[in-house]
Every structure is written in structure tokens, then in C-alpha cells.
Amino acid sequence: MENFVCTSLRAISNYIKKGVSEKVSSFGITSFQGAILAVIKEATLRGHDVYQKDLEKIFKASKSSMSDSLQSLESKSLITRTSLIEGDSRKKSLKLTNKGEKLTILVDGYLNEASDELLSKLNEEERVAFVKILEKLTGKMEVNL
């Protein structure tokens, strides 16, 4: 049973990653980078600053992996990093550029399509239960800023 759960979750993750990757690769980003952009956008809409450390926690990613992804997004002019304290390069607020904002609209659409397709196999009661279970299992890995 446990092996089935892990294998199934991995298969679902791969399904989503592959589908989204195929669509966002034409913009020169990975599905992971697309997810980073989506989190920055959501936090910004809530009026919160986002830092690399926040993203590392949300995605359970290493410092080097997140740093590489953010450098790539910055080099593509999709995000900016701004030091809040002059001379302190450790704490830089992440913001989407206009180009990044436009791209997140497309990424959001792709993620919504993938979610809708997966959830279409469930009735309304099952969808609600599934989301509650995911929230419980992930510990609500949202930005708690």
C-alpha cells in the first residue's frame, strides 16, 4: 500500500510536470521556474515580500538549486531582486517584471488545465476531500508571510 501511494504520487507529479514543461519550455523556463513565478505572483497579490529563503521552504529546495533557478529567471528578465537593506545582499526581495507577470498568466492557465484534468476524474465530494488531504499532507506549503 505504501509503495503504491508513493508510486502514484510520483506518477501524478511527473504527469503534471511533463504537461506543463512542454508548454512553458517555449518560453525558455522549466515547470519548476514557472511554479516559482506563480508563488511570487500570489505573494505579491497578497501584499507580501518574497525572499529566496521563503521559496526554499515552500519547494523544499536546496539553496544552490533555488539560487540557480532565480539567477536564470533574473537573466531572462522575468524577476528582479532588490536589497531592502543597502549593502546587505543576503536579503533581496523578489518581484516579477512586466514580462514575468505576463508569463505567469500563461503558466497559471497551464497549471489550471492540469488541475482541472486531474480533478475531472473525481466528483465534487471527492475533490473537496482530496484537496483537504493534500493540504494536510503538505502542511499547507504556502507562503505564510
C-alpha atoms as a PDB file:
ATOM      1  CA  MET A   1       0.000   0.000   0.000  1.00  0.00           C
ATOM      2  CA  GLU A   2       2.734   2.491   0.979  1.00  0.00           C
ATOM      3  CA  ASN A   3       4.681   1.765  -2.174  1.00  0.00           C
ATOM      4  CA  PHE A   4       1.509   2.281  -4.217  1.00  0.00           C
ATOM      5  CA  VAL A   5       0.924   5.694  -2.606  1.00  0.00           C
ATOM      6  CA  CYS A   6       4.446   6.929  -3.289  1.00  0.00           C
ATOM      7  CA  THR A   7       4.487   5.492  -6.797  1.00  0.00           C
ATOM      8  CA  SER A   8       1.110   7.031  -7.598  1.00  0.00           C
ATOM      9  CA  LEU A   9       2.080  10.449  -6.247  1.00  0.00           C
ATOM     10  CA  ARG A  10       5.274  10.311  -8.281  1.00  0.00           C
ATOM     11  CA  ALA A  11       3.311   9.399 -11.421  1.00  0.00           C
ATOM     12  CA  ILE A  12       0.880  12.287 -10.893  1.00  0.00           C
ATOM     13  CA  SER A  13       3.771  14.671 -10.283  1.00  0.00           C
ATOM     14  CA  ASN A  14       5.512  13.512 -13.458  1.00  0.00           C
ATOM     15  CA  TYR A  15       2.277  13.850 -15.434  1.00  0.00           C
ATOM     16  CA  ILE A  16       1.818  17.449 -14.327  1.00  0.00           C
ATOM     17  CA  LYS A  17       5.495  18.316 -14.733  1.00  0.00           C
ATOM     18  CA  LYS A  18       5.653  16.866 -18.240  1.00  0.00           C
ATOM     19  CA  GLY A  19       2.475  18.584 -19.403  1.00  0.00           C
ATOM     20  CA  VAL A  20       3.417  21.975 -18.017  1.00  0.00           C
ATOM     21  CA  SER A  21       7.061  21.644 -19.112  1.00  0.00           C
ATOM     22  CA  GLU A  22       6.031  21.037 -22.704  1.00  0.00           C
ATOM     23  CA  LYS A  23       4.058  24.268 -22.687  1.00  0.00           C
ATOM     24  CA  VAL A  24       6.449  26.555 -20.802  1.00  0.00           C
ATOM     25  CA  SER A  25       9.644  25.321 -22.455  1.00  0.00           C
ATOM     26  CA  SER A  26       8.859  27.505 -25.443  1.00  0.00           C
ATOM     27  CA  PHE A  27       9.371  30.473 -23.097  1.00  0.00           C
ATOM     28  CA  GLY A  28      12.775  29.183 -22.033  1.00  0.00           C
ATOM     29  CA  ILE A  29      11.787  28.189 -18.497  1.00  0.00           C
ATOM     30  CA  THR A  30      11.199  24.945 -16.644  1.00  0.00           C
ATOM     31  CA  SER A  31       7.985  23.933 -14.910  1.00  0.00           C
ATOM     32  CA  PHE A  32       9.803  24.495 -11.594  1.00  0.00           C
ATOM     33  CA  GLN A  33      10.665  28.051 -12.613  1.00  0.00           C
ATOM     34  CA  GLY A  34       7.056  28.551 -13.674  1.00  0.00           C
ATOM     35  CA  ALA A  35       5.920  27.444 -10.226  1.00  0.00           C
ATOM     36  CA  ILE A  36       8.386  29.891  -8.637  1.00  0.00           C
ATOM     37  CA  LEU A  37       6.910  32.715 -10.700  1.00  0.00           C
ATOM     38  CA  ALA A  38       3.402  31.688  -9.626  1.00  0.00           C
ATOM     39  CA  VAL A  39       4.337  31.795  -5.932  1.00  0.00           C
ATOM     40  CA  ILE A  40       5.964  35.219  -6.291  1.00  0.00           C
ATOM     41  CA  LYS A  41       2.868  36.482  -8.070  1.00  0.00           C
ATOM     42  CA  GLU A  42       0.497  35.131  -5.415  1.00  0.00           C
ATOM     43  CA  ALA A  43       2.513  36.597  -2.541  1.00  0.00           C
ATOM     44  CA  THR A  44       2.755  39.945  -4.295  1.00  0.00           C
ATOM     45  CA  LEU A  45      -1.013  39.998  -4.819  1.00  0.00           C
ATOM     46  CA  ARG A  46      -1.362  39.478  -1.066  1.00  0.00           C
ATOM     47  CA  GLY A  47       0.973  42.429  -0.460  1.00  0.00           C
ATOM     48  CA  HIS A  48       3.890  40.362   0.849  1.00  0.00           C
ATOM     49  CA  ASP A  49       7.564  40.400   0.013  1.00  0.00           C
ATOM     50  CA  VAL A  50       9.120  37.095  -1.078  1.00  0.00           C
ATOM     51  CA  TYR A  51      12.686  36.057  -0.419  1.00  0.00           C
ATOM     52  CA  GLN A  52      14.801  33.153  -1.637  1.00  0.00           C
ATOM     53  CA  LYS A  53      14.577  31.554   1.791  1.00  0.00           C
ATOM     54  CA  ASP A  54      10.750  31.533   1.544  1.00  0.00           C
ATOM     55  CA  LEU A  55      10.892  29.719  -1.784  1.00  0.00           C
ATOM     56  CA  GLU A  56      13.415  27.188  -0.461  1.00  0.00           C
ATOM     57  CA  LYS A  57      10.981  26.348   2.336  1.00  0.00           C
ATOM     58  CA  ILE A  58       7.906  26.141   0.112  1.00  0.00           C
ATOM     59  CA  PHE A  59       9.521  23.925  -2.506  1.00  0.00           C
ATOM     60  CA  LYS A  60      11.784  22.019  -0.107  1.00  0.00           C
ATOM     61  CA  ALA A  61      14.644  23.008  -2.408  1.00  0.00           C
ATOM     62  CA  SER A  62      18.317  23.460  -1.628  1.00  0.00           C
ATOM     63  CA  LYS A  63      19.896  26.909  -1.519  1.00  0.00           C
ATOM     64  CA  SER A  64      22.008  26.181  -4.593  1.00  0.00           C
ATOM     65  CA  SER A  65      19.085  24.816  -6.624  1.00  0.00           C
ATOM     66  CA  MET A  66      16.903  27.813  -5.780  1.00  0.00           C
ATOM     67  CA  SER A  67      19.764  30.242  -6.392  1.00  0.00           C
ATOM     68  CA  ASP A  68      20.386  28.733  -9.837  1.00  0.00           C
ATOM     69  CA  SER A  69      16.687  28.945 -10.737  1.00  0.00           C
ATOM     70  CA  LEU A  70      16.401  32.542  -9.554  1.00  0.00           C
ATOM     71  CA  GLN A  71      19.557  33.565 -11.426  1.00  0.00           C
ATOM     72  CA  SER A  72      18.105  32.044 -14.578  1.00  0.00           C
ATOM     73  CA  LEU A  73      14.791  33.861 -14.119  1.00  0.00           C
ATOM     74  CA  GLU A  74      16.632  37.111 -13.467  1.00  0.00           C
ATOM     75  CA  SER A  75      18.831  36.662 -16.560  1.00  0.00           C
ATOM     76  CA  LYS A  76      15.649  36.224 -18.628  1.00  0.00           C
ATOM     77  CA  SER A  77      14.299  39.493 -17.166  1.00  0.00           C
ATOM     78  CA  LEU A  78      11.359  37.706 -15.518  1.00  0.00           C
ATOM     79  CA  ILE A  79      12.189  38.756 -11.948  1.00  0.00           C
ATOM     80  CA  THR A  80      14.187  41.390 -10.129  1.00  0.00           C
ATOM     81  CA  ARG A  81      15.989  41.079  -6.815  1.00  0.00           C
ATOM     82  CA  THR A  82      16.088  44.191  -4.677  1.00  0.00           C
ATOM     83  CA  SER A  83      18.087  44.601  -1.469  1.00  0.00           C
ATOM     84  CA  LEU A  84      15.875  46.028   1.231  1.00  0.00           C
ATOM     85  CA  ILE A  85      18.873  46.998   3.336  1.00  0.00           C
ATOM     86  CA  GLU A  86      21.608  48.756   1.424  1.00  0.00           C
ATOM     87  CA  GLY A  87      24.784  46.726   1.455  1.00  0.00           C
ATOM     88  CA  ASP A  88      23.043  43.546   2.625  1.00  0.00           C
ATOM     89  CA  SER A  89      22.940  41.220  -0.352  1.00  0.00           C
ATOM     90  CA  ARG A  90      21.596  38.305   1.715  1.00  0.00           C
ATOM     91  CA  LYS A  91      18.051  39.577   1.903  1.00  0.00           C
ATOM     92  CA  LYS A  92      16.734  40.518  -1.506  1.00  0.00           C
ATOM     93  CA  SER A  93      13.044  40.904  -2.221  1.00  0.00           C
ATOM     94  CA  LEU A  94      11.876  39.076  -5.361  1.00  0.00           C
ATOM     95  CA  LYS A  95       9.477  40.810  -7.737  1.00  0.00           C
ATOM     96  CA  LEU A  96       8.080  39.928 -11.122  1.00  0.00           C
ATOM     97  CA  THR A  97       8.930  42.167 -14.038  1.00  0.00           C
ATOM     98  CA  ASN A  98       6.196  43.100 -16.531  1.00  0.00           C
ATOM     99  CA  LYS A  99       7.468  40.273 -18.723  1.00  0.00           C
ATOM    100  CA  GLY A 100       7.320  37.900 -15.737  1.00  0.00           C
ATOM    101  CA  GLU A 101       3.762  38.971 -14.896  1.00  0.00           C
ATOM    102  CA  LYS A 102       2.603  38.268 -18.441  1.00  0.00           C
ATOM    103  CA  LEU A 103       4.245  34.859 -18.394  1.00  0.00           C
ATOM    104  CA  THR A 104       2.612  33.914 -15.081  1.00  0.00           C
ATOM    105  CA  ILE A 105      -0.801  34.422 -16.646  1.00  0.00           C
ATOM    106  CA  LEU A 106       0.062  31.718 -19.172  1.00  0.00           C
ATOM    107  CA  VAL A 107       1.650  29.452 -16.553  1.00  0.00           C
ATOM    108  CA  ASP A 108      -1.423  29.824 -14.315  1.00  0.00           C
ATOM    109  CA  GLY A 109      -3.565  28.759 -17.238  1.00  0.00           C
ATOM    110  CA  TYR A 110      -1.433  25.664 -17.847  1.00  0.00           C
ATOM    111  CA  LEU A 111      -1.485  24.707 -14.161  1.00  0.00           C
ATOM    112  CA  ASN A 112      -5.245  25.202 -14.013  1.00  0.00           C
ATOM    113  CA  GLU A 113      -5.695  22.989 -17.090  1.00  0.00           C
ATOM    114  CA  ALA A 114      -3.616  20.230 -15.487  1.00  0.00           C
ATOM    115  CA  SER A 115      -5.519  20.530 -12.193  1.00  0.00           C
ATOM    116  CA  ASP A 116      -8.880  20.514 -13.945  1.00  0.00           C
ATOM    117  CA  GLU A 117      -7.939  17.442 -15.943  1.00  0.00           C
ATOM    118  CA  LEU A 118      -6.835  15.533 -12.855  1.00  0.00           C
ATOM    119  CA  LEU A 119      -9.825  16.588 -10.770  1.00  0.00           C
ATOM    120  CA  SER A 120     -12.278  15.803 -13.571  1.00  0.00           C
ATOM    121  CA  LYS A 121     -11.978  12.156 -12.587  1.00  0.00           C
ATOM    122  CA  LEU A 122     -13.463  12.967  -9.155  1.00  0.00           C
ATOM    123  CA  ASN A 123     -16.940  14.043  -8.095  1.00  0.00           C
ATOM    124  CA  GLU A 124     -17.362  17.234  -6.027  1.00  0.00           C
ATOM    125  CA  GLU A 125     -17.236  15.464  -2.663  1.00  0.00           C
ATOM    126  CA  GLU A 126     -14.065  13.603  -3.667  1.00  0.00           C
ATOM    127  CA  ARG A 127     -12.464  16.843  -4.898  1.00  0.00           C
ATOM    128  CA  VAL A 128     -13.061  18.587  -1.590  1.00  0.00           C
ATOM    129  CA  ALA A 129     -11.720  15.595   0.348  1.00  0.00           C
ATOM    130  CA  PHE A 130      -8.701  15.298  -1.964  1.00  0.00           C
ATOM    131  CA  VAL A 131      -7.757  18.961  -1.517  1.00  0.00           C
ATOM    132  CA  LYS A 132      -8.112  18.671   2.268  1.00  0.00           C
ATOM    133  CA  ILE A 133      -5.880  15.607   2.273  1.00  0.00           C
ATOM    134  CA  LEU A 134      -3.271  17.360   0.117  1.00  0.00           C
ATOM    135  CA  GLU A 135      -3.287  20.341   2.479  1.00  0.00           C
ATOM    136  CA  LYS A 136      -2.805  18.028   5.429  1.00  0.00           C
ATOM    137  CA  LEU A 137      -0.024  16.027   3.779  1.00  0.00           C
ATOM    138  CA  THR A 138       1.892  19.060   2.557  1.00  0.00           C
ATOM    139  CA  GLY A 139       1.405  21.022   5.748  1.00  0.00           C
ATOM    140  CA  LYS A 140      -0.060  23.797   3.634  1.00  0.00           C
ATOM    141  CA  MET A 141       3.267  24.681   1.997  1.00  0.00           C
ATOM    142  CA  GLU A 142       2.033  28.157   1.168  1.00  0.00           C
ATOM    143  CA  VAL A 143       3.821  31.403   1.760  1.00  0.00           C
ATOM    144  CA  ASN A 144       2.976  32.296   5.329  1.00  0.00           C
ATOM    145  CA  LEU A 145       4.166  35.885   5.179  1.00  0.00           C
END
